Amino acid sequence: MKVNKTIQINASAVTVWETLFKNYGQACDWASTVNESKLREAVGSKYGGRTCSTTFGDVSEIIDHVNEETMELQYHLDDTPFIMKAATAHWKVTSASVNTSEVTMHLDVTLATLPGFLMGWLIKPKMRKDIYQTIDDLKYFIENGEQSEVKKKSDAKYFKKKGKKAA
């Protein structure tokens, strides 16, 4: 399954890049699909990776490629929820003007054989919707300096279930 989305954000490309790459370990600050995240070391990657508790289960990522000059970031999941076999994400930030940037995200997900066969018709639309929402969350967070309502609700539900208070 491939998901491609481009969005315009009313902020400089540098500001967006800081959130995406410089604060890579803090995706949980803005993404409604990520309730907890932290940086981790990853053998073979000079950039490391992160672990995330997501709406699809716990995932572990390794950064494959970073180009700070062209503001590109690519990572893959090395530990996936049972429904996924593999996933790779590629983000690119470009400057549209002084205070406007464009963010493009390409996601390539291979579902595990049995869940994909039995439930692919249900999983794929939900996954696509969640990825689009994540990109909208990024836009909202950068433009408004706070979490989206969807993010706040996601965290409240997650931490209530987990027995913690949302941040």
N, C-alpha and C. Protein backbone atom coordinates (compact mmCIF):
# COMPACT_ATOMS: atom_id res chain seq x y z
N MET A 1 0.84 -1.17 0.00
CA MET A 1 0.00 0.00 0.00
C MET A 1 0.89 1.23 0.00
N LYS A 2 0.59 2.13 -0.89
CA LYS A 2 1.36 3.37 -0.96
C LYS A 2 0.46 4.55 -0.63
N VAL A 3 0.99 5.47 0.17
CA VAL A 3 0.28 6.69 0.52
C VAL A 3 1.22 7.84 0.19
N ASN A 4 0.72 8.79 -0.60
CA ASN A 4 1.50 9.98 -0.95
C ASN A 4 0.65 11.20 -0.64
N LYS A 5 1.22 12.14 0.08
CA LYS A 5 0.48 13.35 0.42
C LYS A 5 1.43 14.53 0.48
N THR A 6 0.98 15.65 -0.07
CA THR A 6 1.72 16.91 0.00
C THR A 6 0.79 17.94 0.63
N ILE A 7 1.35 18.72 1.53
CA ILE A 7 0.56 19.73 2.23
C ILE A 7 1.37 21.02 2.33
N GLN A 8 0.68 22.15 2.30
CA GLN A 8 1.35 23.44 2.49
C GLN A 8 1.21 23.85 3.94
N ILE A 9 2.31 24.33 4.52
CA ILE A 9 2.31 24.78 5.91
C ILE A 9 2.75 26.24 5.94
N ASN A 10 2.02 27.05 6.69
CA ASN A 10 2.35 28.47 6.82
C ASN A 10 3.45 28.66 7.86
N ALA A 11 4.64 28.25 7.49
CA ALA A 11 5.84 28.39 8.32
C ALA A 11 7.04 28.15 7.41
N SER A 12 8.18 28.63 7.85
CA SER A 12 9.39 28.44 7.04
C SER A 12 9.76 26.96 6.98
N ALA A 13 10.45 26.60 5.93
CA ALA A 13 10.90 25.21 5.77
C ALA A 13 11.80 24.81 6.94
N VAL A 14 12.61 25.73 7.43
CA VAL A 14 13.51 25.45 8.55
C VAL A 14 12.70 25.08 9.80
N THR A 15 11.62 25.79 10.05
CA THR A 15 10.76 25.50 11.21
C THR A 15 10.15 24.10 11.09
N VAL A 16 9.67 23.76 9.91
CA VAL A 16 9.07 22.44 9.69
C VAL A 16 10.13 21.35 9.85
N TRP A 17 11.32 21.57 9.28
CA TRP A 17 12.41 20.60 9.35
C TRP A 17 12.82 20.36 10.80
N GLU A 18 12.80 21.40 11.61
CA GLU A 18 13.14 21.25 13.03
C GLU A 18 12.17 20.28 13.71
N THR A 19 10.90 20.42 13.42
CA THR A 19 9.91 19.54 14.03
C THR A 19 10.06 18.11 13.52
N LEU A 20 10.25 17.95 12.22
CA LEU A 20 10.34 16.60 11.64
C LEU A 20 11.63 15.87 11.97
N PHE A 21 12.78 16.56 11.83
CA PHE A 21 14.05 15.86 12.01
C PHE A 21 14.77 16.22 13.31
N LYS A 22 14.94 17.48 13.59
CA LYS A 22 15.68 17.86 14.80
C LYS A 22 14.98 17.35 16.06
N ASN A 23 13.65 17.31 16.02
CA ASN A 23 12.86 16.81 17.15
C ASN A 23 12.21 15.46 16.82
N TYR A 24 12.94 14.66 16.06
CA TYR A 24 12.45 13.36 15.57
C TYR A 24 11.91 12.48 16.70
N GLY A 25 12.55 12.50 17.83
CA GLY A 25 12.14 11.66 18.95
C GLY A 25 10.85 12.11 19.62
N GLN A 26 10.40 13.31 19.31
CA GLN A 26 9.21 13.86 19.96
C GLN A 26 7.98 13.89 19.04
N ALA A 27 7.85 12.92 18.17
CA ALA A 27 6.66 12.85 17.31
C ALA A 27 5.39 12.80 18.14
N CYS A 28 5.50 12.29 19.35
CA CYS A 28 4.34 12.20 20.24
C CYS A 28 3.84 13.58 20.67
N ASP A 29 4.62 14.62 20.45
CA ASP A 29 4.18 15.97 20.80
C ASP A 29 3.10 16.49 19.86
N TRP A 30 3.08 15.97 18.62
CA TRP A 30 2.15 16.54 17.63
C TRP A 30 1.31 15.53 16.86
N ALA A 31 1.76 14.30 16.71
CA ALA A 31 1.07 13.32 15.86
C ALA A 31 -0.01 12.56 16.64
N SER A 32 -1.25 12.64 16.19
CA SER A 32 -2.35 11.96 16.89
C SER A 32 -2.21 10.44 16.82
N THR A 33 -1.47 9.94 15.86
CA THR A 33 -1.26 8.50 15.73
C THR A 33 -0.11 8.00 16.60
N VAL A 34 0.63 8.91 17.23
CA VAL A 34 1.78 8.55 18.07
C VAL A 34 1.54 9.10 19.47
N ASN A 35 1.31 8.21 20.43
CA ASN A 35 1.02 8.65 21.79
C ASN A 35 2.26 8.74 22.67
N GLU A 36 3.26 7.93 22.38
CA GLU A 36 4.53 8.00 23.10
C GLU A 36 5.64 7.75 22.08
N SER A 37 6.76 8.45 22.24
CA SER A 37 7.91 8.23 21.35
C SER A 37 9.19 8.64 22.05
N LYS A 38 10.28 8.00 21.64
CA LYS A 38 11.59 8.38 22.18
C LYS A 38 12.67 7.91 21.22
N LEU A 39 13.78 8.65 21.24
CA LEU A 39 14.93 8.29 20.41
C LEU A 39 15.56 7.00 20.91
N ARG A 40 16.22 6.30 20.01
CA ARG A 40 16.97 5.10 20.39
C ARG A 40 18.17 4.97 19.48
N GLU A 41 19.15 4.24 19.95
CA GLU A 41 20.30 3.93 19.11
C GLU A 41 19.92 2.77 18.19
N ALA A 42 20.50 2.77 17.00
CA ALA A 42 20.22 1.69 16.05
C ALA A 42 21.53 1.29 15.38
N VAL A 43 21.88 0.03 15.52
CA VAL A 43 23.11 -0.48 14.92
C VAL A 43 23.04 -0.30 13.40
N GLY A 44 24.10 0.27 12.84
CA GLY A 44 24.17 0.46 11.40
C GLY A 44 23.61 1.77 10.89
N SER A 45 23.05 2.57 11.78
CA SER A 45 22.51 3.87 11.38
C SER A 45 23.21 4.96 12.18
N LYS A 46 23.83 5.89 11.48
CA LYS A 46 24.51 6.96 12.20
C LYS A 46 23.52 7.94 12.83
N TYR A 47 22.25 7.84 12.42
CA TYR A 47 21.23 8.74 12.95
C TYR A 47 20.39 8.11 14.05
N GLY A 48 20.43 6.79 14.18
CA GLY A 48 19.62 6.13 15.18
C GLY A 48 18.21 5.89 14.72
N GLY A 49 17.29 5.95 15.65
CA GLY A 49 15.89 5.72 15.33
C GLY A 49 15.01 6.16 16.47
N ARG A 50 13.80 5.65 16.51
CA ARG A 50 12.89 5.95 17.61
C ARG A 50 11.94 4.78 17.80
N THR A 51 11.38 4.73 18.99
CA THR A 51 10.31 3.78 19.28
C THR A 51 9.04 4.59 19.51
N CYS A 52 7.93 4.05 19.07
CA CYS A 52 6.66 4.77 19.19
C CYS A 52 5.55 3.82 19.60
N SER A 53 4.66 4.32 20.44
CA SER A 53 3.40 3.64 20.71
C SER A 53 2.38 4.34 19.83
N THR A 54 1.83 3.60 18.87
CA THR A 54 0.95 4.19 17.87
C THR A 54 -0.45 3.59 17.92
N THR A 55 -1.33 4.15 17.12
CA THR A 55 -2.69 3.63 17.03
C THR A 55 -2.72 2.24 16.40
N PHE A 56 -1.63 1.83 15.75
CA PHE A 56 -1.54 0.50 15.13
C PHE A 56 -0.72 -0.47 15.98
N GLY A 57 -0.24 -0.02 17.13
CA GLY A 57 0.60 -0.84 17.99
C GLY A 57 1.98 -0.23 18.12
N ASP A 58 2.85 -0.89 18.86
CA ASP A 58 4.20 -0.38 19.06
C ASP A 58 5.04 -0.61 17.82
N VAL A 59 5.82 0.41 17.45
CA VAL A 59 6.72 0.31 16.30
C VAL A 59 8.10 0.79 16.70
N SER A 60 9.07 0.32 15.96
CA SER A 60 10.45 0.74 16.13
C SER A 60 10.97 1.12 14.76
N GLU A 61 11.59 2.30 14.68
CA GLU A 61 12.05 2.83 13.39
C GLU A 61 13.56 3.03 13.39
N ILE A 62 14.14 2.94 12.21
CA ILE A 62 15.56 3.25 12.01
C ILE A 62 15.65 4.26 10.87
N ILE A 63 16.40 5.33 11.10
CA ILE A 63 16.60 6.34 10.06
C ILE A 63 17.61 5.79 9.05
N ASP A 64 17.21 5.78 7.78
CA ASP A 64 18.06 5.28 6.70
C ASP A 64 18.85 6.38 6.03
N HIS A 65 18.21 7.53 5.88
CA HIS A 65 18.83 8.60 5.09
C HIS A 65 18.35 9.96 5.59
N VAL A 66 19.30 10.88 5.70
CA VAL A 66 18.98 12.27 6.02
C VAL A 66 19.81 13.15 5.12
N ASN A 67 19.18 14.12 4.51
CA ASN A 67 19.90 15.15 3.76
C ASN A 67 19.40 16.48 4.29
N GLU A 68 20.20 17.08 5.16
CA GLU A 68 19.78 18.32 5.80
C GLU A 68 19.72 19.48 4.80
N GLU A 69 20.53 19.40 3.76
CA GLU A 69 20.54 20.46 2.75
C GLU A 69 19.23 20.50 1.97
N THR A 70 18.75 19.32 1.55
CA THR A 70 17.49 19.25 0.80
C THR A 70 16.30 18.94 1.70
N MET A 71 16.55 18.85 2.99
CA MET A 71 15.52 18.58 4.00
C MET A 71 14.72 17.33 3.67
N GLU A 72 15.43 16.21 3.55
CA GLU A 72 14.80 14.92 3.29
C GLU A 72 15.15 13.94 4.40
N LEU A 73 14.18 13.15 4.77
CA LEU A 73 14.32 12.17 5.84
C LEU A 73 13.63 10.89 5.39
N GLN A 74 14.35 9.78 5.55
CA GLN A 74 13.75 8.48 5.24
C GLN A 74 14.05 7.51 6.37
N TYR A 75 13.04 6.76 6.76
CA TYR A 75 13.22 5.74 7.80
C TYR A 75 12.35 4.53 7.47
N HIS A 76 12.70 3.40 8.09
CA HIS A 76 11.90 2.20 7.93
C HIS A 76 11.58 1.62 9.30
N LEU A 77 10.55 0.82 9.35
CA LEU A 77 10.18 0.14 10.59
C LEU A 77 10.94 -1.17 10.67
N ASP A 78 11.64 -1.36 11.78
CA ASP A 78 12.36 -2.62 11.96
C ASP A 78 11.65 -3.52 12.97
N ASP A 79 10.62 -3.01 13.59
CA ASP A 79 9.77 -3.82 14.47
C ASP A 79 8.37 -3.28 14.26
N THR A 80 7.50 -4.11 13.71
CA THR A 80 6.19 -3.65 13.29
C THR A 80 5.07 -4.36 14.04
N PRO A 81 3.88 -3.75 14.06
CA PRO A 81 2.72 -4.46 14.61
C PRO A 81 2.41 -5.69 13.75
N PHE A 82 1.66 -6.62 14.28
CA PHE A 82 1.40 -7.89 13.58
C PHE A 82 0.76 -7.71 12.20
N ILE A 83 0.05 -6.60 11.99
CA ILE A 83 -0.63 -6.42 10.71
C ILE A 83 0.31 -6.00 9.58
N MET A 84 1.53 -5.55 9.95
CA MET A 84 2.48 -5.07 8.94
C MET A 84 3.66 -6.00 8.79
N LYS A 85 4.14 -6.11 7.56
CA LYS A 85 5.35 -6.86 7.28
C LYS A 85 6.53 -5.90 7.20
N ALA A 86 6.31 -4.74 6.56
CA ALA A 86 7.37 -3.74 6.39
C ALA A 86 6.74 -2.38 6.10
N ALA A 87 7.49 -1.32 6.40
CA ALA A 87 7.03 0.03 6.08
C ALA A 87 8.23 0.96 5.96
N THR A 88 8.17 1.86 4.99
CA THR A 88 9.20 2.87 4.77
C THR A 88 8.51 4.21 4.56
N ALA A 89 9.04 5.25 5.20
CA ALA A 89 8.49 6.60 5.03
C ALA A 89 9.59 7.53 4.53
N HIS A 90 9.22 8.41 3.62
CA HIS A 90 10.14 9.41 3.08
C HIS A 90 9.45 10.77 3.17
N TRP A 91 10.10 11.69 3.90
CA TRP A 91 9.57 13.05 4.06
C TRP A 91 10.50 14.01 3.33
N LYS A 92 9.91 15.03 2.72
CA LYS A 92 10.70 16.09 2.09
C LYS A 92 10.02 17.43 2.38
N VAL A 93 10.83 18.39 2.82
CA VAL A 93 10.35 19.73 3.10
C VAL A 93 10.98 20.67 2.09
N THR A 94 10.16 21.49 1.43
CA THR A 94 10.69 22.48 0.49
C THR A 94 10.11 23.84 0.83
N SER A 95 10.86 24.86 0.52
CA SER A 95 10.43 26.22 0.76
C SER A 95 9.59 26.70 -0.41
N ALA A 96 8.36 27.14 -0.14
CA ALA A 96 7.50 27.70 -1.18
C ALA A 96 7.67 29.21 -1.23
N SER A 97 7.91 29.82 -0.07
CA SER A 97 8.21 31.24 0.06
C SER A 97 8.85 31.44 1.43
N VAL A 98 9.06 32.67 1.83
CA VAL A 98 9.74 32.94 3.10
C VAL A 98 9.04 32.25 4.28
N ASN A 99 7.72 32.36 4.34
CA ASN A 99 6.98 31.80 5.47
C ASN A 99 5.99 30.71 5.06
N THR A 100 6.27 30.05 3.97
CA THR A 100 5.42 28.95 3.52
C THR A 100 6.30 27.81 3.04
N SER A 101 5.93 26.62 3.44
CA SER A 101 6.69 25.45 3.00
C SER A 101 5.73 24.37 2.52
N GLU A 102 6.30 23.43 1.80
CA GLU A 102 5.55 22.28 1.32
C GLU A 102 6.17 21.04 1.92
N VAL A 103 5.34 20.18 2.45
CA VAL A 103 5.81 18.92 3.03
C VAL A 103 5.19 17.79 2.23
N THR A 104 6.06 16.90 1.76
CA THR A 104 5.60 15.73 1.03
C THR A 104 6.00 14.49 1.80
N MET A 105 5.05 13.58 1.93
CA MET A 105 5.32 12.32 2.61
C MET A 105 4.92 11.17 1.70
N HIS A 106 5.85 10.25 1.51
CA HIS A 106 5.59 9.02 0.75
C HIS A 106 5.73 7.87 1.74
N LEU A 107 4.71 7.08 1.85
CA LEU A 107 4.73 5.93 2.74
C LEU A 107 4.46 4.68 1.92
N ASP A 108 5.27 3.66 2.15
CA ASP A 108 5.10 2.38 1.46
C ASP A 108 4.98 1.31 2.54
N VAL A 109 3.82 0.70 2.64
CA VAL A 109 3.55 -0.31 3.67
C VAL A 109 3.20 -1.63 3.00
N THR A 110 3.82 -2.69 3.50
CA THR A 110 3.46 -4.05 3.08
C THR A 110 2.76 -4.70 4.26
N LEU A 111 1.51 -5.05 4.05
CA LEU A 111 0.76 -5.71 5.12
C LEU A 111 1.20 -7.17 5.23
N ALA A 112 1.12 -7.70 6.44
CA ALA A 112 1.40 -9.12 6.65
C ALA A 112 0.38 -9.93 5.84
N THR A 113 0.78 -11.08 5.38
CA THR A 113 -0.03 -11.86 4.45
C THR A 113 -1.44 -12.16 4.95
N LEU A 114 -1.56 -12.79 6.09
CA LEU A 114 -2.88 -13.19 6.57
C LEU A 114 -3.75 -11.98 6.94
N PRO A 115 -3.26 -11.05 7.78
CA PRO A 115 -4.10 -9.87 8.07
C PRO A 115 -4.43 -9.07 6.80
N GLY A 116 -3.46 -8.96 5.90
CA GLY A 116 -3.69 -8.22 4.66
C GLY A 116 -4.76 -8.87 3.81
N PHE A 117 -4.72 -10.19 3.73
CA PHE A 117 -5.71 -10.92 2.93
C PHE A 117 -7.10 -10.86 3.55
N LEU A 118 -7.16 -11.11 4.86
CA LEU A 118 -8.45 -11.18 5.53
C LEU A 118 -9.06 -9.82 5.84
N MET A 119 -8.20 -8.85 6.19
CA MET A 119 -8.72 -7.57 6.66
C MET A 119 -8.18 -6.36 5.91
N GLY A 120 -7.49 -6.57 4.80
CA GLY A 120 -6.92 -5.47 4.04
C GLY A 120 -7.94 -4.42 3.66
N TRP A 121 -9.15 -4.86 3.31
CA TRP A 121 -10.21 -3.93 2.92
C TRP A 121 -10.58 -2.99 4.06
N LEU A 122 -10.34 -3.42 5.31
CA LEU A 122 -10.64 -2.61 6.48
C LEU A 122 -9.42 -1.82 6.95
N ILE A 123 -8.25 -2.45 6.90
CA ILE A 123 -7.02 -1.85 7.40
C ILE A 123 -6.55 -0.69 6.52
N LYS A 124 -6.55 -0.88 5.22
CA LYS A 124 -5.98 0.13 4.30
C LYS A 124 -6.67 1.49 4.39
N PRO A 125 -7.99 1.57 4.35
CA PRO A 125 -8.62 2.90 4.46
C PRO A 125 -8.35 3.57 5.80
N LYS A 126 -8.33 2.78 6.89
CA LYS A 126 -8.04 3.35 8.22
C LYS A 126 -6.62 3.87 8.27
N MET A 127 -5.68 3.09 7.75
CA MET A 127 -4.29 3.50 7.75
C MET A 127 -4.10 4.78 6.92
N ARG A 128 -4.71 4.82 5.75
CA ARG A 128 -4.61 6.01 4.88
C ARG A 128 -5.19 7.23 5.61
N LYS A 129 -6.35 7.08 6.23
CA LYS A 129 -6.99 8.17 6.97
C LYS A 129 -6.08 8.65 8.10
N ASP A 130 -5.50 7.71 8.85
CA ASP A 130 -4.63 8.07 9.97
C ASP A 130 -3.36 8.79 9.50
N ILE A 131 -2.79 8.37 8.39
CA ILE A 131 -1.59 9.03 7.86
C ILE A 131 -1.94 10.45 7.42
N TYR A 132 -3.05 10.61 6.73
CA TYR A 132 -3.48 11.97 6.33
C TYR A 132 -3.70 12.84 7.57
N GLN A 133 -4.29 12.27 8.61
CA GLN A 133 -4.52 13.03 9.84
C GLN A 133 -3.19 13.41 10.49
N THR A 134 -2.22 12.52 10.46
CA THR A 134 -0.90 12.81 11.04
C THR A 134 -0.28 14.02 10.35
N ILE A 135 -0.40 14.09 9.05
CA ILE A 135 0.17 15.22 8.31
C ILE A 135 -0.61 16.50 8.64
N ASP A 136 -1.92 16.39 8.79
CA ASP A 136 -2.72 17.55 9.22
C ASP A 136 -2.35 17.98 10.63
N ASP A 137 -2.04 17.00 11.50
CA ASP A 137 -1.59 17.31 12.86
C ASP A 137 -0.29 18.11 12.84
N LEU A 138 0.63 17.72 11.97
CA LEU A 138 1.90 18.43 11.83
C LEU A 138 1.64 19.88 11.45
N LYS A 139 0.80 20.09 10.46
CA LYS A 139 0.45 21.44 10.00
C LYS A 139 -0.14 22.26 11.15
N TYR A 140 -1.10 21.68 11.85
CA TYR A 140 -1.77 22.39 12.95
C TYR A 140 -0.78 22.75 14.05
N PHE A 141 0.06 21.80 14.43
CA PHE A 141 1.03 22.01 15.50
C PHE A 141 2.00 23.13 15.15
N ILE A 142 2.50 23.12 13.94
CA ILE A 142 3.48 24.14 13.54
C ILE A 142 2.82 25.51 13.40
N GLU A 143 1.65 25.56 12.81
CA GLU A 143 0.99 26.85 12.58
C GLU A 143 0.38 27.45 13.84
N ASN A 144 -0.03 26.61 14.80
CA ASN A 144 -0.73 27.11 15.98
C ASN A 144 0.06 26.97 17.28
N GLY A 145 1.16 26.22 17.24
CA GLY A 145 1.97 26.07 18.45
C GLY A 145 1.33 25.20 19.52
N GLU A 146 0.35 24.41 19.13
CA GLU A 146 -0.30 23.51 20.08
C GLU A 146 -0.83 22.29 19.34
N GLN A 147 -1.21 21.29 20.11
CA GLN A 147 -1.72 20.05 19.53
C GLN A 147 -3.12 20.25 18.95
N SER A 148 -3.42 19.48 17.91
CA SER A 148 -4.77 19.50 17.32
C SER A 148 -5.75 18.86 18.30
N GLU A 149 -7.03 19.12 18.10
CA GLU A 149 -8.06 18.49 18.93
C GLU A 149 -8.03 16.97 18.77
N VAL A 150 -7.76 16.51 17.56
CA VAL A 150 -7.69 15.07 17.31
C VAL A 150 -6.56 14.46 18.14
N LYS A 151 -5.42 15.14 18.21
CA LYS A 151 -4.27 14.67 19.00
C LYS A 151 -4.63 14.64 20.48
N LYS A 152 -5.25 15.69 20.97
CA LYS A 152 -5.62 15.75 22.39
C LYS A 152 -6.56 14.60 22.75
N LYS A 153 -7.54 14.33 21.89
CA LYS A 153 -8.48 13.24 22.15
C LYS A 153 -7.79 11.88 22.09
N SER A 154 -6.88 11.72 21.14
CA SER A 154 -6.14 10.47 21.01
C SER A 154 -5.31 10.19 22.26
N ASP A 155 -4.61 11.22 22.74
CA ASP A 155 -3.80 11.06 23.96
C ASP A 155 -4.67 10.77 25.17
N ALA A 156 -5.78 11.49 25.31
CA ALA A 156 -6.67 11.27 26.46
C ALA A 156 -7.16 9.83 26.49
N LYS A 157 -7.57 9.32 25.34
CA LYS A 157 -8.05 7.94 25.25
C LYS A 157 -6.92 6.94 25.56
N TYR A 158 -5.75 7.17 24.97
CA TYR A 158 -4.61 6.27 25.16
C TYR A 158 -4.17 6.23 26.63
N PHE A 159 -3.99 7.42 27.23
CA PHE A 159 -3.48 7.46 28.60
C PHE A 159 -4.53 7.03 29.62
N LYS A 160 -5.81 7.21 29.31
CA LYS A 160 -6.86 6.71 30.19
C LYS A 160 -6.80 5.18 30.23
N LYS A 161 -6.65 4.60 29.04
CA LYS A 161 -6.56 3.15 28.93
C LYS A 161 -5.30 2.64 29.63
N LYS A 162 -4.23 3.41 29.52
CA LYS A 162 -2.95 3.01 30.10
C LYS A 162 -2.86 3.35 31.59
N GLY A 163 -3.74 4.24 32.06
CA GLY A 163 -3.73 4.60 33.47
C GLY A 163 -2.82 5.76 33.80
N LYS A 164 -2.50 6.59 32.81
CA LYS A 164 -1.67 7.79 33.02
C LYS A 164 -2.49 9.01 32.65
N LYS A 165 -2.01 10.15 33.08
CA LYS A 165 -2.65 11.41 32.69
C LYS A 165 -1.99 11.92 31.41
N ALA A 166 -2.80 12.40 30.46
CA ALA A 166 -2.28 12.95 29.20
C ALA A 166 -1.46 14.20 29.48
N ALA A 167 -0.44 14.41 28.65
CA ALA A 167 0.48 15.54 28.85
C ALA A 167 -0.20 16.86 28.71
